[in-house]
Protein backbone atom coordinates (compact mmCIF):
# COMPACT_ATOMS: atom_id res chain seq x y z
CA MET A 1 13.27 5.19 1.20
CA LYS A 2 13.49 7.24 4.38
CA ASN A 3 9.96 7.68 6.04
CA ILE A 4 7.33 5.08 6.04
CA LEU A 5 3.72 5.91 7.38
CA VAL A 6 1.50 3.07 9.43
CA PRO A 7 -1.81 3.81 10.12
CA ILE A 8 -3.21 1.81 12.30
CA GLY A 9 -7.11 1.42 13.84
CA ALA A 10 -8.26 -1.26 16.39
CA SER A 11 -8.37 -3.45 14.47
CA LYS A 12 -7.07 -7.44 15.60
CA ASN A 13 -4.78 -7.75 12.65
CA ALA A 14 -2.95 -3.93 13.49
CA LYS A 15 0.28 -5.55 15.49
CA ASN A 16 0.96 -7.87 11.99
CA THR A 17 0.74 -5.26 9.80
CA LEU A 18 2.91 -2.86 12.18
CA GLN A 19 6.00 -5.63 12.58
CA TYR A 20 5.67 -6.38 8.85
CA ALA A 21 5.80 -3.07 8.85
CA ILE A 22 8.73 -2.75 11.42
CA ASP A 23 10.46 -5.52 9.26
CA PHE A 24 9.93 -3.89 6.22
CA ALA A 25 11.61 -0.99 7.37
CA GLU A 26 15.12 -2.69 9.25
CA VAL A 27 15.77 -4.04 5.24
CA MET A 28 14.87 -0.30 3.73
CA HIS A 29 16.45 1.33 6.68
CA ALA A 30 13.82 3.86 6.87
CA ASP A 31 12.04 5.29 9.63
CA VAL A 32 8.24 3.82 10.56
CA TYR A 33 5.50 6.54 11.96
CA VAL A 34 2.55 5.07 13.37
CA PHE A 35 -0.54 7.22 14.01
CA ARG A 36 -4.18 7.12 13.88
CA SER A 37 -6.25 9.99 13.34
CA PHE A 38 -9.36 11.39 15.31
CA SER A 39 -11.91 13.75 14.85
CA VAL A 40 -14.18 15.74 17.66
CA ALA A 41 -17.73 16.17 17.05
CA PRO A 42 -18.36 19.65 19.21
CA LYS A 43 -20.49 19.74 21.60
CA ALA A 44 -22.00 22.67 23.84
CA GLY A 45 -19.73 23.68 27.10
CA ALA A 46 -17.35 21.12 25.98
CA ILE A 47 -13.86 21.50 27.96
CA ILE A 48 -11.83 23.80 26.08
CA ASN A 49 -8.99 21.35 25.65
CA VAL A 50 -10.47 18.02 24.45
CA ASP A 51 -8.98 17.72 21.52
CA SER A 52 -5.67 17.24 23.25
CA ILE A 53 -6.98 15.10 25.68
CA VAL A 54 -8.45 12.99 23.13
CA ALA A 55 -4.78 13.01 20.92
CA ARG A 56 -3.31 11.58 24.59
CA GLU A 57 -5.75 8.91 24.23
CA GLN A 58 -4.98 8.47 20.81
CA VAL A 59 -1.52 8.58 21.29
CA ALA A 60 -1.94 5.86 24.36
CA ASN A 61 -3.15 3.67 22.45
CA VAL A 62 -1.01 3.16 19.74
CA LYS A 63 1.86 3.33 22.09
CA GLU A 64 0.16 -0.18 23.77
CA VAL A 65 0.19 -1.55 20.04
CA VAL A 66 3.96 -0.55 19.61
CA ASP A 67 4.89 -1.65 22.88
CA GLN A 68 3.61 -5.22 21.83
CA ILE A 69 6.02 -5.92 18.84
CA ASP A 70 9.53 -6.64 18.19
CA THR A 71 10.98 -3.17 17.14
CA LYS A 72 13.90 -4.15 16.30
CA ASN A 73 16.99 -1.41 15.31
CA VAL A 74 14.06 0.67 13.51
CA THR A 75 13.18 4.10 15.16
CA VAL A 76 9.28 4.28 15.54
CA LYS A 77 7.49 7.15 16.45
CA ILE A 78 4.13 7.60 17.43
CA ILE A 79 1.69 10.53 16.11
CA SER A 80 -1.81 11.51 16.19
CA ALA A 81 -3.61 13.68 14.02
CA LYS A 82 -7.10 15.36 14.21
CA GLY A 83 -9.46 14.81 11.01
CA GLY A 84 -10.05 12.04 8.63
CA VAL A 85 -7.42 9.29 7.67
CA VAL A 86 -6.85 10.98 4.24
CA ASP A 87 -6.75 14.81 5.51
CA SER A 88 -4.05 13.39 8.30
CA ILE A 89 -2.20 11.76 5.36
CA GLU A 90 -2.02 14.57 3.35
CA THR A 91 -1.03 17.38 6.58
CA ILE A 92 1.91 15.09 7.24
CA ASN A 93 3.53 14.46 4.32
CA LYS A 94 3.94 17.15 3.81
CA GLU A 95 5.53 18.07 7.29
CA LEU A 96 7.79 14.72 7.08
CA GLY A 97 7.69 13.72 3.40
CA VAL A 98 6.18 9.94 3.28
CA ASP A 99 7.90 7.71 0.80
CA LEU A 100 5.46 4.80 1.50
CA ILE A 101 2.41 3.82 3.27
CA ILE A 102 1.84 0.69 4.94
CA VAL A 103 -1.62 -0.76 5.73
CA GLY A 104 -3.15 -3.86 6.66
CA GLN A 105 -6.46 -5.19 4.89
CA ARG A 106 -9.67 -4.54 6.28
CA PRO A 107 -10.67 -3.49 9.83
CA ASN A 108 -12.65 -5.86 11.98
CA ASP A 109 -16.07 -5.60 11.14
CA LEU A 110 -15.92 -6.22 7.07
CA GLN A 111 -17.66 -8.98 5.86
CA GLU A 112 -15.08 -11.61 4.80
CA SER A 113 -16.11 -11.64 1.68
CA TYR A 114 -13.78 -8.04 1.03
CA TYR A 115 -10.27 -7.81 0.06
CA LEU A 116 -10.06 -3.87 0.78
CA GLY A 117 -12.07 -2.00 3.63
CA ARG A 118 -12.82 1.58 3.33
CA THR A 119 -10.25 3.10 5.01
CA PRO A 120 -7.07 1.46 3.31
CA GLY A 121 -9.11 1.70 0.02
CA SER A 122 -9.73 5.36 0.23
CA ILE A 123 -6.05 5.54 0.91
CA VAL A 124 -5.46 4.19 -1.74
CA LYS A 125 -8.01 6.02 -4.19
CA GLN A 126 -7.16 9.41 -2.93
CA THR A 127 -3.55 9.92 -2.32
CA ASP A 128 -0.32 9.88 -4.75
CA ILE A 129 1.82 8.05 -2.26
CA PRO A 130 2.48 5.15 -3.15
CA VAL A 131 0.87 2.45 -0.71
CA LEU A 132 2.17 -1.58 0.33
CA ILE A 133 -1.41 -3.57 1.04
CA ILE A 134 -0.48 -6.49 4.14
CA PRO A 135 -2.84 -9.39 3.83
CA GLU A 136 -4.85 -10.89 7.16
CA ASP A 137 -1.54 -12.43 9.23
CA TYR A 138 0.94 -12.63 6.84
CA ALA A 139 4.40 -12.70 8.36
CA PHE A 140 7.41 -10.42 6.62
CA THR A 141 9.82 -12.52 4.70
CA PRO A 142 12.70 -11.01 2.46
CA ILE A 143 11.44 -10.18 -0.80
CA LYS A 144 13.19 -12.21 -3.94
CA LYS A 145 10.79 -11.78 -6.67
CA ILE A 146 8.33 -9.18 -7.49
CA LEU A 147 5.17 -9.90 -10.27
CA THR A 148 4.98 -6.45 -11.78
CA ALA A 149 1.54 -6.54 -13.78
CA ILE A 150 0.22 -4.03 -16.07
CA LYS A 151 -1.19 -3.21 -19.25
CA SER A 152 0.60 -0.48 -20.86
CA GLY A 153 4.38 -0.19 -20.61
CA VAL A 154 3.41 3.46 -20.97
CA VAL A 155 5.15 5.06 -17.28
CA SER A 156 4.60 8.97 -17.80
CA LYS A 157 6.01 9.98 -14.52
CA LYS A 158 9.40 9.16 -13.27
CA ASP A 159 9.30 8.88 -10.07
CA ALA A 160 6.59 6.69 -10.26
CA LEU A 161 9.29 3.86 -10.49
CA LEU A 162 11.03 5.33 -7.48
CA PRO A 163 9.72 2.86 -4.71
CA LEU A 164 10.00 -0.21 -7.15
CA GLU A 165 13.20 0.59 -7.75
CA GLU A 166 14.62 0.72 -4.22
CA VAL A 167 12.95 -2.63 -2.93
CA LEU A 168 14.61 -4.54 -5.94
CA ILE A 169 18.24 -2.73 -5.20
CA THR A 170 17.88 -3.11 -1.20
CA PHE A 171 16.66 -6.80 -1.48
CA LYS A 172 18.75 -8.02 -4.66
CA ALA A 173 15.19 -9.15 -5.99
CA ASN A 174 14.24 -9.84 -9.66
CA MET A 175 11.32 -8.61 -11.34
CA HIS A 176 8.72 -10.04 -13.64
CA LEU A 177 6.66 -8.16 -15.78
CA LEU A 178 3.25 -9.56 -16.88
CA GLN A 179 1.54 -7.90 -19.55
CA VAL A 180 -2.00 -8.69 -19.71
CA LYS A 181 -3.55 -7.58 -23.09
CA THR A 182 -7.65 -7.34 -22.54
CA GLN A 183 -9.84 -6.00 -25.03
CA THR A 184 -9.37 -2.35 -24.63
CA PHE A 185 -5.06 -2.90 -25.08
CA LEU A 186 -3.89 -0.22 -28.08
CA PRO A 187 -0.95 -0.63 -30.00
CA GLU A 188 0.56 2.03 -28.03
CA ASP A 189 0.88 0.22 -24.90
CA LEU A 190 3.50 -1.87 -26.20
CA GLU A 191 6.01 0.82 -26.12
CA PHE A 192 7.90 0.27 -22.94
CA TYR A 193 9.06 2.94 -20.60
CA SER A 194 12.67 2.93 -20.38
CA GLU A 195 13.40 2.73 -16.78
CA LEU A 196 10.54 -0.11 -15.93
CA ALA A 197 12.13 -2.18 -18.86
CA ALA A 198 15.57 -1.76 -17.39
CA LEU A 199 13.76 -3.32 -14.09
CA THR A 200 12.70 -6.16 -15.48
CA SER A 201 14.33 -9.50 -15.22
CA SER A 202 11.64 -11.61 -17.39
CA TYR A 203 9.17 -10.66 -19.25
CA ASN A 204 5.92 -12.43 -20.78
CA SER A 205 2.31 -11.73 -21.74
CA SER A 206 -1.24 -12.77 -21.79
CA GLU A 207 -4.70 -12.03 -23.10
CA ASN A 208 -6.78 -12.11 -20.25
CA ALA A 209 -10.73 -10.67 -19.63
CA THR A 210 -9.38 -8.51 -17.02
CA LEU A 211 -5.49 -8.27 -15.29
CA PHE A 212 -7.07 -9.47 -12.17
CA GLN A 213 -7.52 -13.06 -14.47
CA GLY A 214 -4.38 -12.29 -15.90
CA VAL A 215 -2.25 -12.08 -12.63
CA LEU A 216 -4.42 -15.35 -11.03
CA GLU A 217 -3.13 -16.96 -14.12
CA HIS A 218 0.38 -16.81 -13.77
CA LEU A 219 0.57 -16.10 -9.34
CA ASN A 220 1.11 -20.21 -8.72
CA LYS A 221 4.12 -19.97 -11.46
CA GLN A 222 5.92 -17.22 -10.59
CA ASN A 223 5.27 -18.01 -6.64
CA PRO A 224 6.06 -13.95 -6.07
CA ASP A 225 7.01 -12.25 -2.24
CA ILE A 226 5.15 -9.38 -3.87
CA ILE A 227 2.73 -8.49 -6.40
CA CYS A 228 2.98 -4.38 -7.94
CA VAL A 229 0.36 -2.39 -10.04
CA PHE A 230 -0.23 0.89 -10.94
CA ARG A 231 -3.39 2.49 -10.34
CA ARG A 232 -3.73 4.03 -13.76
CA LYS A 233 -7.03 6.12 -15.26
CA ARG A 234 -6.92 3.92 -18.08
CA GLY A 235 -7.18 0.45 -16.28
CA PHE A 236 -6.72 -2.05 -13.74
CA PHE A 237 -8.04 0.11 -11.13
CA LYS A 238 -10.13 2.68 -12.62
CA LYS A 239 -13.66 -0.05 -12.51
CA LEU A 240 -12.15 -0.98 -8.78
CA TRP A 241 -11.66 2.20 -7.08
CA GLU A 242 -14.92 3.40 -7.92
CA GLN A 243 -15.81 2.21 -4.39
CA ASN A 244 -13.42 2.74 -2.17
CA THR A 245 -14.05 -1.16 -1.01
CA ILE A 246 -12.98 -4.03 -3.19
CA LYS A 247 -14.86 -7.29 -2.78
CA LYS A 248 -12.31 -10.79 -3.32
CA VAL A 249 -14.88 -11.61 -6.44
CA ASP A 250 -12.91 -8.22 -8.27
CA PHE A 251 -9.47 -8.70 -6.93
CA GLU A 252 -7.74 -10.82 -4.38
CA SER A 253 -3.90 -10.97 -3.43
CA ARG A 254 -2.40 -13.38 -1.19
CA VAL A 255 0.68 -11.63 -0.86
CA PRO A 256 1.52 -8.12 -0.46
CA LEU A 257 0.54 -5.92 -2.98
CA LEU A 258 2.16 -2.27 -4.02
CA VAL A 259 0.06 -0.11 -5.45
CA LEU A 260 2.22 2.72 -7.25
CA LYS A 261 0.61 6.01 -8.26
CA GLY A 262 1.45 8.32 -11.50
CA ALA A 263 1.71 6.13 -13.90
CA GLU A 264 -0.46 8.05 -16.60
């Protein structure tokens, strides 16, 4: 893991999210790229270099946040990009190669009843880069245990597991695999991808109406430092990601949530 991207806005939790990202990157020996996207509505008679002016302002705003945190020994670079957040991420990924995106849960103006805001929700839904979602005011702690929740043991793309594997190896952590059997569970879901099995330290299954309910049932018992899930075409996030925002009644995590892509 070389490059971690941290999109930040004007939320009060931006500093906390960035500090977590830097603490995490220090252990992973990765560089952190902090960015804020911008767009300029065209106006008649607008000055020619308005884009560069706005870009400088955005960089200055991000630098103000960076200056308030402890960057430790991590290389932190500030960038800006014109356009929407998702489009900007795609552009940055093509230029740098982004291994992980770290985002906060939600902006200041979103109701408390929401777990995930529109911007981080759209990043998870519309990009193919692994995303680590940090709860509000959550302080970094060394990762010792990961709870990975799945419906199906089938993982058709080998590189989908790379971020999880790197975290487990770097932190010398253990992974508990929880398989939740819902009403849509199929016999072939019991077939486990060999690389997933190799990463597993312990395993159990449960029967629940949703994966979220299965996670809640085992959360206190496992007490993980991170929860890991896959965003599949069929399964956990199919219904959740119909909207970019997610309400707490549908899903909530009090620890960081790692969302892996390309499982199917």
